[in-house]
Amino acid sequence: MKRRVRKEDVIRTTWQLITRHGIRAVRVDEIAQCLGMSKRTLYELFPDKTNLIAACLEQTSRQQKEKITQLREEYSGDPLQKLFRIIGKYLGDIYLVDCEFLSDMKEKSDFTEAYNNDGRFWREEIGSAVQSAIDSGNLLADVNPTALTDRLLSSLFESRLRGVSRREQQQFCRAILRGCATRQGIERIDRLHESDPDIV
């Protein structure tokens, strides 16, 4: 007797496949085969591939928000560390998936809304953390949080698509933030880097 496949199993397997190979490269019959089920059964759970991918993105978005909430609470007393941890989470997310997946998300019209929502989420979270670092005297008062956040996110995303290593991206972030920091902030960034070179 075949085991009953739950929606959660389908979402998990689909997410593994699309993040490894890209959205366009993964076919519904491949997903069904990996799960040991027929395409017909799969279509009973999800009406089409777009609907299935949307379910994957919704679940990932929920998990992302939970993790960021946890980081905000854990590092609420240390604005710079919170900023580095949130940027580190963003980097972790874009390096967890294949470049093809990121390209598909950016270019495929079916997922424009999800792509834009994700970008908005990260701009708000990192922008808020930048503002906290300014308010605490760690970043210079004349730093524009929106402009800095947009520059960081755009550079990190495009560099990921070009195949720049995560280590280089970490160094880039550290250099940019150090360049925007007060003397107090520079000292704090250097101490954070000494204690944890992979903080970003």
N, C-alpha and C. Protein backbone atom coordinates (compact mmCIF):
# COMPACT_ATOMS: atom_id res chain seq x y z
N MET A 1 0.84 -1.20 0.00
CA MET A 1 0.00 0.00 0.00
C MET A 1 0.88 1.26 0.00
N LYS A 2 0.54 2.20 -0.91
CA LYS A 2 1.34 3.42 -1.02
C LYS A 2 1.10 4.33 0.18
N ARG A 3 2.17 4.98 0.62
CA ARG A 3 2.00 5.90 1.74
C ARG A 3 1.27 7.15 1.25
N ARG A 4 0.54 7.75 2.15
CA ARG A 4 -0.19 8.97 1.81
C ARG A 4 0.79 10.14 1.83
N VAL A 5 0.87 10.83 0.72
CA VAL A 5 1.77 11.97 0.63
C VAL A 5 1.03 13.23 1.07
N ARG A 6 1.59 13.93 2.03
CA ARG A 6 0.97 15.15 2.54
C ARG A 6 1.42 16.36 1.71
N LYS A 7 0.63 17.41 1.78
CA LYS A 7 1.00 18.64 1.08
C LYS A 7 2.37 19.13 1.51
N GLU A 8 2.65 18.97 2.82
CA GLU A 8 3.94 19.42 3.36
C GLU A 8 5.10 18.68 2.70
N ASP A 9 4.91 17.38 2.42
CA ASP A 9 5.95 16.59 1.75
C ASP A 9 6.19 17.11 0.34
N VAL A 10 5.09 17.42 -0.34
CA VAL A 10 5.18 17.92 -1.72
C VAL A 10 5.91 19.26 -1.73
N ILE A 11 5.55 20.14 -0.81
CA ILE A 11 6.18 21.46 -0.74
C ILE A 11 7.67 21.32 -0.43
N ARG A 12 8.01 20.48 0.53
CA ARG A 12 9.42 20.30 0.90
C ARG A 12 10.25 19.77 -0.27
N THR A 13 9.74 18.73 -0.94
CA THR A 13 10.46 18.13 -2.06
C THR A 13 10.59 19.11 -3.22
N THR A 14 9.51 19.82 -3.51
CA THR A 14 9.54 20.80 -4.60
C THR A 14 10.55 21.90 -4.31
N TRP A 15 10.55 22.37 -3.06
CA TRP A 15 11.50 23.42 -2.68
C TRP A 15 12.94 22.95 -2.87
N GLN A 16 13.23 21.74 -2.47
CA GLN A 16 14.58 21.19 -2.63
C GLN A 16 14.98 21.15 -4.11
N LEU A 17 14.05 20.75 -4.95
CA LEU A 17 14.34 20.64 -6.39
C LEU A 17 14.51 22.00 -7.05
N ILE A 18 13.60 22.93 -6.78
CA ILE A 18 13.68 24.22 -7.49
C ILE A 18 14.84 25.09 -7.00
N THR A 19 15.20 24.95 -5.72
CA THR A 19 16.33 25.75 -5.23
C THR A 19 17.66 25.18 -5.72
N ARG A 20 17.65 23.92 -6.09
CA ARG A 20 18.87 23.27 -6.60
C ARG A 20 19.02 23.44 -8.11
N HIS A 21 17.90 23.45 -8.83
CA HIS A 21 17.96 23.44 -10.30
C HIS A 21 17.31 24.64 -10.97
N GLY A 22 16.56 25.45 -10.23
CA GLY A 22 15.83 26.56 -10.83
C GLY A 22 14.38 26.17 -11.06
N ILE A 23 13.51 27.17 -11.12
CA ILE A 23 12.07 26.91 -11.26
C ILE A 23 11.74 26.33 -12.63
N ARG A 24 12.32 26.93 -13.68
CA ARG A 24 12.00 26.49 -15.04
C ARG A 24 12.48 25.08 -15.33
N ALA A 25 13.59 24.69 -14.73
CA ALA A 25 14.19 23.39 -15.05
C ALA A 25 13.43 22.21 -14.44
N VAL A 26 12.68 22.46 -13.40
CA VAL A 26 11.99 21.36 -12.69
C VAL A 26 10.59 21.16 -13.27
N ARG A 27 10.31 19.93 -13.69
CA ARG A 27 9.00 19.60 -14.27
C ARG A 27 8.12 18.91 -13.24
N VAL A 28 6.82 19.00 -13.44
CA VAL A 28 5.87 18.40 -12.50
C VAL A 28 6.06 16.89 -12.42
N ASP A 29 6.34 16.24 -13.56
CA ASP A 29 6.52 14.78 -13.51
C ASP A 29 7.76 14.38 -12.72
N GLU A 30 8.77 15.27 -12.71
CA GLU A 30 9.97 15.01 -11.90
C GLU A 30 9.64 15.08 -10.40
N ILE A 31 8.83 16.07 -10.04
CA ILE A 31 8.40 16.20 -8.64
C ILE A 31 7.60 14.97 -8.22
N ALA A 32 6.66 14.57 -9.08
CA ALA A 32 5.82 13.40 -8.79
C ALA A 32 6.66 12.14 -8.64
N GLN A 33 7.64 12.00 -9.53
CA GLN A 33 8.51 10.82 -9.49
C GLN A 33 9.31 10.77 -8.19
N CYS A 34 9.85 11.90 -7.78
CA CYS A 34 10.62 11.96 -6.52
C CYS A 34 9.77 11.58 -5.32
N LEU A 35 8.49 11.88 -5.40
CA LEU A 35 7.57 11.59 -4.30
C LEU A 35 6.92 10.22 -4.41
N GLY A 36 7.15 9.54 -5.53
CA GLY A 36 6.54 8.22 -5.74
C GLY A 36 5.03 8.30 -5.90
N MET A 37 4.57 9.34 -6.59
CA MET A 37 3.13 9.51 -6.79
C MET A 37 2.87 9.84 -8.26
N SER A 38 1.63 9.75 -8.67
CA SER A 38 1.28 10.09 -10.05
C SER A 38 1.10 11.60 -10.19
N LYS A 39 1.24 12.08 -11.44
CA LYS A 39 1.00 13.51 -11.68
C LYS A 39 -0.45 13.86 -11.35
N ARG A 40 -1.33 12.93 -11.63
CA ARG A 40 -2.75 13.17 -11.36
C ARG A 40 -2.99 13.43 -9.86
N THR A 41 -2.35 12.60 -9.02
CA THR A 41 -2.49 12.79 -7.57
C THR A 41 -1.90 14.13 -7.14
N LEU A 42 -0.77 14.48 -7.75
CA LEU A 42 -0.13 15.76 -7.44
C LEU A 42 -1.05 16.92 -7.81
N TYR A 43 -1.70 16.81 -8.96
CA TYR A 43 -2.61 17.87 -9.40
C TYR A 43 -3.88 17.95 -8.55
N GLU A 44 -4.18 16.88 -7.83
CA GLU A 44 -5.31 16.92 -6.90
C GLU A 44 -4.97 17.78 -5.67
N LEU A 45 -3.67 17.79 -5.34
CA LEU A 45 -3.21 18.60 -4.21
C LEU A 45 -2.95 20.05 -4.61
N PHE A 46 -2.37 20.23 -5.80
CA PHE A 46 -2.05 21.57 -6.31
C PHE A 46 -2.50 21.63 -7.77
N PRO A 47 -3.35 22.59 -8.14
CA PRO A 47 -3.92 22.62 -9.48
C PRO A 47 -2.90 22.77 -10.62
N ASP A 48 -1.77 23.44 -10.33
CA ASP A 48 -0.74 23.58 -11.37
C ASP A 48 0.61 23.88 -10.70
N LYS A 49 1.64 23.92 -11.53
CA LYS A 49 3.00 24.12 -11.02
C LYS A 49 3.13 25.50 -10.36
N THR A 50 2.52 26.50 -10.96
CA THR A 50 2.60 27.86 -10.41
C THR A 50 2.03 27.91 -9.00
N ASN A 51 0.90 27.24 -8.80
CA ASN A 51 0.26 27.18 -7.49
C ASN A 51 1.16 26.48 -6.47
N LEU A 52 1.82 25.43 -6.91
CA LEU A 52 2.72 24.67 -6.04
C LEU A 52 3.93 25.52 -5.65
N ILE A 53 4.53 26.21 -6.63
CA ILE A 53 5.69 27.06 -6.34
C ILE A 53 5.28 28.18 -5.39
N ALA A 54 4.09 28.74 -5.61
CA ALA A 54 3.59 29.81 -4.73
C ALA A 54 3.47 29.32 -3.29
N ALA A 55 3.01 28.08 -3.11
CA ALA A 55 2.90 27.49 -1.77
C ALA A 55 4.28 27.35 -1.13
N CYS A 56 5.27 26.97 -1.93
CA CYS A 56 6.66 26.86 -1.43
C CYS A 56 7.16 28.22 -0.97
N LEU A 57 6.91 29.24 -1.78
CA LEU A 57 7.39 30.59 -1.47
C LEU A 57 6.71 31.15 -0.22
N GLU A 58 5.42 30.86 -0.07
CA GLU A 58 4.69 31.33 1.12
C GLU A 58 5.25 30.70 2.39
N GLN A 59 5.52 29.41 2.33
CA GLN A 59 6.07 28.73 3.51
C GLN A 59 7.45 29.26 3.85
N THR A 60 8.28 29.46 2.83
CA THR A 60 9.62 29.98 3.06
C THR A 60 9.57 31.38 3.66
N SER A 61 8.64 32.19 3.16
CA SER A 61 8.48 33.55 3.68
C SER A 61 8.10 33.53 5.16
N ARG A 62 7.21 32.64 5.54
CA ARG A 62 6.82 32.52 6.97
C ARG A 62 8.02 32.15 7.83
N GLN A 63 8.80 31.17 7.37
CA GLN A 63 9.98 30.72 8.13
C GLN A 63 11.01 31.84 8.25
N GLN A 64 11.16 32.60 7.17
CA GLN A 64 12.09 33.72 7.13
C GLN A 64 11.71 34.76 8.18
N LYS A 65 10.43 35.08 8.24
CA LYS A 65 9.95 36.09 9.19
C LYS A 65 10.14 35.63 10.63
N GLU A 66 9.91 34.35 10.88
CA GLU A 66 10.11 33.80 12.23
C GLU A 66 11.57 33.93 12.65
N LYS A 67 12.48 33.62 11.74
CA LYS A 67 13.91 33.69 12.04
C LYS A 67 14.35 35.13 12.31
N ILE A 68 13.85 36.06 11.50
CA ILE A 68 14.22 37.46 11.68
C ILE A 68 13.68 38.00 13.01
N THR A 69 12.47 37.61 13.37
CA THR A 69 11.90 38.01 14.66
C THR A 69 12.79 37.52 15.80
N GLN A 70 13.25 36.30 15.66
CA GLN A 70 14.14 35.71 16.67
C GLN A 70 15.45 36.49 16.76
N LEU A 71 16.03 36.85 15.60
CA LEU A 71 17.28 37.62 15.57
C LEU A 71 17.09 38.99 16.20
N ARG A 72 15.97 39.64 15.88
CA ARG A 72 15.68 40.96 16.43
C ARG A 72 15.63 40.93 17.94
N GLU A 73 14.98 39.90 18.47
CA GLU A 73 14.85 39.77 19.93
C GLU A 73 16.19 39.43 20.58
N GLU A 74 16.91 38.50 19.94
CA GLU A 74 18.17 38.02 20.51
C GLU A 74 19.24 39.11 20.58
N TYR A 75 19.25 40.00 19.57
CA TYR A 75 20.31 41.02 19.51
C TYR A 75 19.76 42.44 19.68
N SER A 76 18.64 42.57 20.37
CA SER A 76 18.00 43.88 20.51
C SER A 76 18.89 44.89 21.23
N GLY A 77 19.77 44.43 22.10
CA GLY A 77 20.64 45.33 22.86
C GLY A 77 21.94 45.68 22.16
N ASP A 78 22.16 45.15 20.97
CA ASP A 78 23.41 45.39 20.24
C ASP A 78 23.07 45.68 18.77
N PRO A 79 22.78 46.96 18.45
CA PRO A 79 22.32 47.32 17.11
C PRO A 79 23.24 46.89 15.97
N LEU A 80 24.55 47.01 16.15
CA LEU A 80 25.46 46.62 15.07
C LEU A 80 25.46 45.11 14.85
N GLN A 81 25.47 44.37 15.95
CA GLN A 81 25.45 42.92 15.81
C GLN A 81 24.13 42.47 15.17
N LYS A 82 23.04 43.12 15.56
CA LYS A 82 21.73 42.80 14.96
C LYS A 82 21.78 43.06 13.45
N LEU A 83 22.36 44.20 13.05
CA LEU A 83 22.47 44.54 11.63
C LEU A 83 23.28 43.49 10.88
N PHE A 84 24.43 43.13 11.43
CA PHE A 84 25.27 42.11 10.78
C PHE A 84 24.56 40.75 10.71
N ARG A 85 23.85 40.40 11.77
CA ARG A 85 23.15 39.10 11.79
C ARG A 85 22.03 39.05 10.74
N ILE A 86 21.31 40.16 10.60
CA ILE A 86 20.22 40.19 9.62
C ILE A 86 20.78 40.15 8.20
N ILE A 87 21.85 40.90 7.95
CA ILE A 87 22.49 40.83 6.63
C ILE A 87 23.03 39.42 6.40
N GLY A 88 23.58 38.83 7.46
CA GLY A 88 24.08 37.45 7.36
C GLY A 88 22.98 36.47 7.00
N LYS A 89 21.79 36.69 7.54
CA LYS A 89 20.64 35.83 7.22
C LYS A 89 20.26 35.99 5.75
N TYR A 90 20.28 37.23 5.26
CA TYR A 90 19.98 37.47 3.85
C TYR A 90 21.00 36.75 2.96
N LEU A 91 22.26 36.92 3.29
CA LEU A 91 23.31 36.24 2.52
C LEU A 91 23.13 34.72 2.56
N GLY A 92 22.83 34.21 3.76
CA GLY A 92 22.61 32.77 3.90
C GLY A 92 21.51 32.29 2.99
N ASP A 93 20.44 33.08 2.89
CA ASP A 93 19.30 32.69 2.05
C ASP A 93 19.66 32.68 0.57
N ILE A 94 20.38 33.70 0.10
CA ILE A 94 20.66 33.74 -1.34
C ILE A 94 21.79 32.79 -1.74
N TYR A 95 22.56 32.32 -0.76
CA TYR A 95 23.60 31.32 -1.08
C TYR A 95 23.12 29.90 -0.83
N LEU A 96 21.96 29.76 -0.22
CA LEU A 96 21.38 28.44 0.01
C LEU A 96 20.77 27.89 -1.28
N VAL A 97 20.40 28.80 -2.17
CA VAL A 97 19.74 28.40 -3.42
C VAL A 97 20.67 28.61 -4.61
N ASP A 98 20.35 27.93 -5.71
CA ASP A 98 21.14 28.05 -6.93
C ASP A 98 20.84 29.38 -7.63
N CYS A 99 21.82 29.89 -8.38
CA CYS A 99 21.64 31.15 -9.11
C CYS A 99 20.46 31.08 -10.08
N GLU A 100 20.24 29.89 -10.67
CA GLU A 100 19.12 29.74 -11.61
C GLU A 100 17.79 30.05 -10.93
N PHE A 101 17.66 29.62 -9.69
CA PHE A 101 16.43 29.89 -8.94
C PHE A 101 16.25 31.39 -8.75
N LEU A 102 17.32 32.09 -8.37
CA LEU A 102 17.24 33.53 -8.16
C LEU A 102 16.89 34.25 -9.46
N SER A 103 17.50 33.82 -10.57
CA SER A 103 17.21 34.42 -11.88
C SER A 103 15.75 34.21 -12.26
N ASP A 104 15.27 32.98 -12.05
CA ASP A 104 13.87 32.68 -12.37
C ASP A 104 12.92 33.55 -11.55
N MET A 105 13.23 33.71 -10.28
CA MET A 105 12.39 34.54 -9.40
C MET A 105 12.35 35.98 -9.91
N LYS A 106 13.48 36.46 -10.36
CA LYS A 106 13.58 37.85 -10.81
C LYS A 106 12.88 38.06 -12.15
N GLU A 107 12.98 37.06 -13.03
CA GLU A 107 12.53 37.25 -14.42
C GLU A 107 11.15 36.68 -14.73
N LYS A 108 10.71 35.66 -14.00
CA LYS A 108 9.45 34.99 -14.35
C LYS A 108 8.25 35.80 -13.83
N SER A 109 7.39 36.22 -14.72
CA SER A 109 6.29 37.12 -14.35
C SER A 109 5.33 36.51 -13.33
N ASP A 110 5.20 35.17 -13.34
CA ASP A 110 4.30 34.51 -12.37
C ASP A 110 4.70 34.78 -10.92
N PHE A 111 5.99 35.09 -10.72
CA PHE A 111 6.49 35.24 -9.36
C PHE A 111 6.98 36.66 -9.05
N THR A 112 6.57 37.62 -9.89
CA THR A 112 6.96 39.01 -9.68
C THR A 112 6.52 39.51 -8.31
N GLU A 113 5.29 39.19 -7.93
CA GLU A 113 4.76 39.66 -6.64
C GLU A 113 5.57 39.08 -5.48
N ALA A 114 5.86 37.78 -5.54
CA ALA A 114 6.65 37.14 -4.47
C ALA A 114 8.05 37.73 -4.42
N TYR A 115 8.65 37.97 -5.59
CA TYR A 115 9.99 38.55 -5.66
C TYR A 115 9.98 39.96 -5.06
N ASN A 116 8.98 40.76 -5.42
CA ASN A 116 8.88 42.13 -4.90
C ASN A 116 8.61 42.15 -3.40
N ASN A 117 7.75 41.24 -2.93
CA ASN A 117 7.45 41.15 -1.49
C ASN A 117 8.70 40.79 -0.70
N ASP A 118 9.48 39.86 -1.25
CA ASP A 118 10.72 39.44 -0.58
C ASP A 118 11.69 40.61 -0.50
N GLY A 119 11.83 41.35 -1.60
CA GLY A 119 12.71 42.51 -1.61
C GLY A 119 12.27 43.56 -0.61
N ARG A 120 10.95 43.79 -0.56
CA ARG A 120 10.39 44.77 0.38
C ARG A 120 10.66 44.36 1.82
N PHE A 121 10.48 43.07 2.10
CA PHE A 121 10.72 42.54 3.45
C PHE A 121 12.16 42.81 3.88
N TRP A 122 13.12 42.48 3.01
CA TRP A 122 14.53 42.66 3.37
C TRP A 122 14.90 44.14 3.47
N ARG A 123 14.34 44.98 2.59
CA ARG A 123 14.62 46.42 2.69
C ARG A 123 14.13 46.98 4.02
N GLU A 124 12.95 46.55 4.44
CA GLU A 124 12.40 47.04 5.72
C GLU A 124 13.24 46.57 6.90
N GLU A 125 13.59 45.28 6.90
CA GLU A 125 14.33 44.72 8.04
C GLU A 125 15.74 45.30 8.15
N ILE A 126 16.44 45.33 7.02
CA ILE A 126 17.82 45.85 7.05
C ILE A 126 17.80 47.36 7.26
N GLY A 127 16.84 48.05 6.62
CA GLY A 127 16.72 49.50 6.80
C GLY A 127 16.47 49.87 8.25
N SER A 128 15.61 49.11 8.91
CA SER A 128 15.32 49.35 10.33
C SER A 128 16.55 49.11 11.19
N ALA A 129 17.31 48.07 10.87
CA ALA A 129 18.53 47.75 11.62
C ALA A 129 19.60 48.83 11.40
N VAL A 130 19.67 49.35 10.17
CA VAL A 130 20.60 50.46 9.88
C VAL A 130 20.22 51.68 10.71
N GLN A 131 18.92 51.99 10.75
CA GLN A 131 18.46 53.14 11.53
C GLN A 131 18.80 52.98 13.02
N SER A 132 18.64 51.78 13.54
CA SER A 132 19.00 51.52 14.95
C SER A 132 20.48 51.75 15.19
N ALA A 133 21.31 51.34 14.21
CA ALA A 133 22.76 51.53 14.34
C ALA A 133 23.12 53.01 14.29
N ILE A 134 22.37 53.79 13.52
CA ILE A 134 22.58 55.25 13.49
C ILE A 134 22.16 55.86 14.82
N ASP A 135 20.97 55.49 15.28
CA ASP A 135 20.43 56.05 16.53
C ASP A 135 21.31 55.75 17.73
N SER A 136 22.01 54.62 17.69
CA SER A 136 22.87 54.23 18.81
C SER A 136 24.27 54.83 18.71
N GLY A 137 24.51 55.62 17.65
CA GLY A 137 25.81 56.27 17.50
C GLY A 137 26.88 55.39 16.89
N ASN A 138 26.49 54.26 16.32
CA ASN A 138 27.46 53.35 15.70
C ASN A 138 27.68 53.65 14.22
N LEU A 139 26.66 54.18 13.55
CA LEU A 139 26.81 54.64 12.16
C LEU A 139 26.64 56.15 12.15
N LEU A 140 27.27 56.81 11.20
CA LEU A 140 27.24 58.27 11.11
C LEU A 140 25.81 58.79 10.95
N ALA A 141 25.55 59.93 11.56
CA ALA A 141 24.19 60.49 11.59
C ALA A 141 23.69 60.87 10.20
N ASP A 142 24.61 61.20 9.27
CA ASP A 142 24.16 61.63 7.94
C ASP A 142 23.99 60.47 6.95
N VAL A 143 24.12 59.24 7.43
CA VAL A 143 23.89 58.08 6.57
C VAL A 143 22.39 57.99 6.25
N ASN A 144 22.08 57.80 4.98
CA ASN A 144 20.69 57.63 4.55
C ASN A 144 20.36 56.14 4.60
N PRO A 145 19.54 55.71 5.57
CA PRO A 145 19.27 54.27 5.73
C PRO A 145 18.69 53.61 4.49
N THR A 146 17.79 54.32 3.80
CA THR A 146 17.15 53.75 2.61
C THR A 146 18.17 53.55 1.49
N ALA A 147 18.98 54.59 1.24
CA ALA A 147 19.97 54.51 0.16
C ALA A 147 21.01 53.43 0.45
N LEU A 148 21.47 53.37 1.71
CA LEU A 148 22.48 52.37 2.08
C LEU A 148 21.91 50.96 1.93
N THR A 149 20.69 50.76 2.40
CA THR A 149 20.06 49.44 2.32
C THR A 149 19.86 49.02 0.87
N ASP A 150 19.36 49.94 0.04
CA ASP A 150 19.14 49.62 -1.38
C ASP A 150 20.45 49.26 -2.07
N ARG A 151 21.50 50.01 -1.76
CA ARG A 151 22.80 49.74 -2.39
C ARG A 151 23.32 48.36 -1.97
N LEU A 152 23.23 48.08 -0.67
CA LEU A 152 23.69 46.78 -0.17
C LEU A 152 22.94 45.62 -0.81
N LEU A 153 21.62 45.68 -0.77
CA LEU A 153 20.81 44.57 -1.28
C LEU A 153 21.01 44.37 -2.78
N SER A 154 21.04 45.46 -3.51
CA SER A 154 21.24 45.37 -4.96
C SER A 154 22.60 44.77 -5.28
N SER A 155 23.64 45.24 -4.60
CA SER A 155 25.00 44.74 -4.85
C SER A 155 25.12 43.27 -4.47
N LEU A 156 24.57 42.89 -3.32
CA LEU A 156 24.68 41.50 -2.86
C LEU A 156 23.95 40.55 -3.80
N PHE A 157 22.75 40.94 -4.23
CA PHE A 157 21.95 40.07 -5.11
C PHE A 157 22.63 39.91 -6.47
N GLU A 158 23.02 41.03 -7.08
CA GLU A 158 23.63 40.97 -8.41
C GLU A 158 24.98 40.25 -8.37
N SER A 159 25.73 40.46 -7.30
CA SER A 159 27.03 39.77 -7.16
C SER A 159 26.83 38.27 -7.01
N ARG A 160 25.76 37.88 -6.33
CA ARG A 160 25.45 36.45 -6.20
C ARG A 160 25.18 35.84 -7.57
N LEU A 161 24.41 36.56 -8.41
CA LEU A 161 24.11 36.08 -9.76
C LEU A 161 25.37 35.97 -10.61
N ARG A 162 26.35 36.83 -10.34
CA ARG A 162 27.61 36.79 -11.10
C ARG A 162 28.59 35.75 -10.57
N GLY A 163 28.23 35.09 -9.47
CA GLY A 163 29.08 34.03 -8.94
C GLY A 163 30.13 34.48 -7.95
N VAL A 164 29.98 35.69 -7.40
CA VAL A 164 30.91 36.17 -6.37
C VAL A 164 30.73 35.30 -5.12
N SER A 165 31.84 34.96 -4.48
CA SER A 165 31.77 34.07 -3.32
C SER A 165 31.14 34.77 -2.11
N ARG A 166 30.61 33.95 -1.23
CA ARG A 166 29.99 34.50 -0.01
C ARG A 166 31.04 35.24 0.83
N ARG A 167 32.24 34.71 0.89
CA ARG A 167 33.32 35.34 1.66
C ARG A 167 33.58 36.76 1.15
N GLU A 168 33.64 36.92 -0.17
CA GLU A 168 33.86 38.26 -0.74
C GLU A 168 32.70 39.20 -0.41
N GLN A 169 31.50 38.66 -0.42
CA GLN A 169 30.32 39.46 -0.08
C GLN A 169 30.38 39.91 1.38
N GLN A 170 30.84 39.03 2.26
CA GLN A 170 30.98 39.38 3.67
C GLN A 170 31.98 40.53 3.82
N GLN A 171 33.09 40.42 3.10
CA GLN A 171 34.13 41.46 3.17
C GLN A 171 33.59 42.79 2.64
N PHE A 172 32.80 42.71 1.57
CA PHE A 172 32.20 43.92 0.99
C PHE A 172 31.29 44.60 2.01
N CYS A 173 30.42 43.82 2.64
CA CYS A 173 29.49 44.37 3.66
C CYS A 173 30.25 45.04 4.79
N ARG A 174 31.26 44.34 5.27
CA ARG A 174 32.04 44.86 6.39
C ARG A 174 32.70 46.19 5.99
N ALA A 175 33.26 46.24 4.78
CA ALA A 175 33.94 47.45 4.32
C ALA A 175 32.96 48.62 4.19
N ILE A 176 31.79 48.34 3.61
CA ILE A 176 30.78 49.40 3.44
C ILE A 176 30.31 49.93 4.80
N LEU A 177 29.98 49.02 5.71
CA LEU A 177 29.47 49.45 7.01
C LEU A 177 30.56 50.13 7.84
N ARG A 178 31.78 49.65 7.71
CA ARG A 178 32.89 50.27 8.43
C ARG A 178 33.10 51.70 7.92
N GLY A 179 32.94 51.88 6.60
CA GLY A 179 33.09 53.20 5.99
C GLY A 179 32.00 54.18 6.40
N CYS A 180 30.87 53.65 6.86
CA CYS A 180 29.74 54.50 7.30
C CYS A 180 29.71 54.67 8.82
N ALA A 181 30.67 54.04 9.50
CA ALA A 181 30.61 53.97 10.96
C ALA A 181 31.31 55.15 11.65
N THR A 182 30.88 55.44 12.86
CA THR A 182 31.57 56.38 13.73
C THR A 182 32.80 55.67 14.30
N ARG A 183 33.61 56.40 15.04
CA ARG A 183 34.77 55.75 15.67
C ARG A 183 34.32 54.61 16.59
N GLN A 184 33.27 54.88 17.36
CA GLN A 184 32.71 53.85 18.25
C GLN A 184 32.26 52.63 17.43
N GLY A 185 31.60 52.91 16.30
CA GLY A 185 31.11 51.83 15.45
C GLY A 185 32.23 51.02 14.83
N ILE A 186 33.29 51.70 14.39
CA ILE A 186 34.44 51.00 13.80
C ILE A 186 35.05 50.05 14.82
N GLU A 187 35.22 50.54 16.04
CA GLU A 187 35.79 49.69 17.09
C GLU A 187 34.90 48.48 17.36
N ARG A 188 33.59 48.71 17.36
CA ARG A 188 32.64 47.61 17.61
C ARG A 188 32.67 46.60 16.46
N ILE A 189 32.70 47.09 15.23
CA ILE A 189 32.76 46.20 14.06
C ILE A 189 34.02 45.35 14.11
N ASP A 190 35.14 45.97 14.44
CA ASP A 190 36.41 45.23 14.51
C ASP A 190 36.38 44.17 15.60
N ARG A 191 35.77 44.51 16.75
CA ARG A 191 35.66 43.52 17.83
C ARG A 191 34.76 42.37 17.43
N LEU A 192 33.65 42.69 16.77
CA LEU A 192 32.73 41.64 16.31
C LEU A 192 33.42 40.72 15.32
N HIS A 193 34.19 41.30 14.42
CA HIS A 193 34.89 40.50 13.42
C HIS A 193 35.96 39.62 14.05
N GLU A 194 36.64 40.17 15.06
CA GLU A 194 37.66 39.37 15.77
C GLU A 194 37.04 38.17 16.46
N SER A 195 35.90 38.39 17.09
CA SER A 195 35.27 37.30 17.85
C SER A 195 34.55 36.31 16.94
N ASP A 196 34.10 36.77 15.78
CA ASP A 196 33.39 35.89 14.84
C ASP A 196 33.60 36.39 13.42
N PRO A 197 34.65 35.89 12.74
CA PRO A 197 34.96 36.34 11.37
C PRO A 197 33.82 36.12 10.38
N ASP A 198 32.92 35.19 10.69
CA ASP A 198 31.81 34.90 9.77
C ASP A 198 30.50 35.53 10.22
N ILE A 199 30.59 36.60 11.01
CA ILE A 199 29.37 37.19 11.56
C ILE A 199 28.41 37.63 10.46
N VAL A 200 28.92 38.09 9.33
CA VAL A 200 28.03 38.42 8.21
C VAL A 200 27.92 37.18 7.34
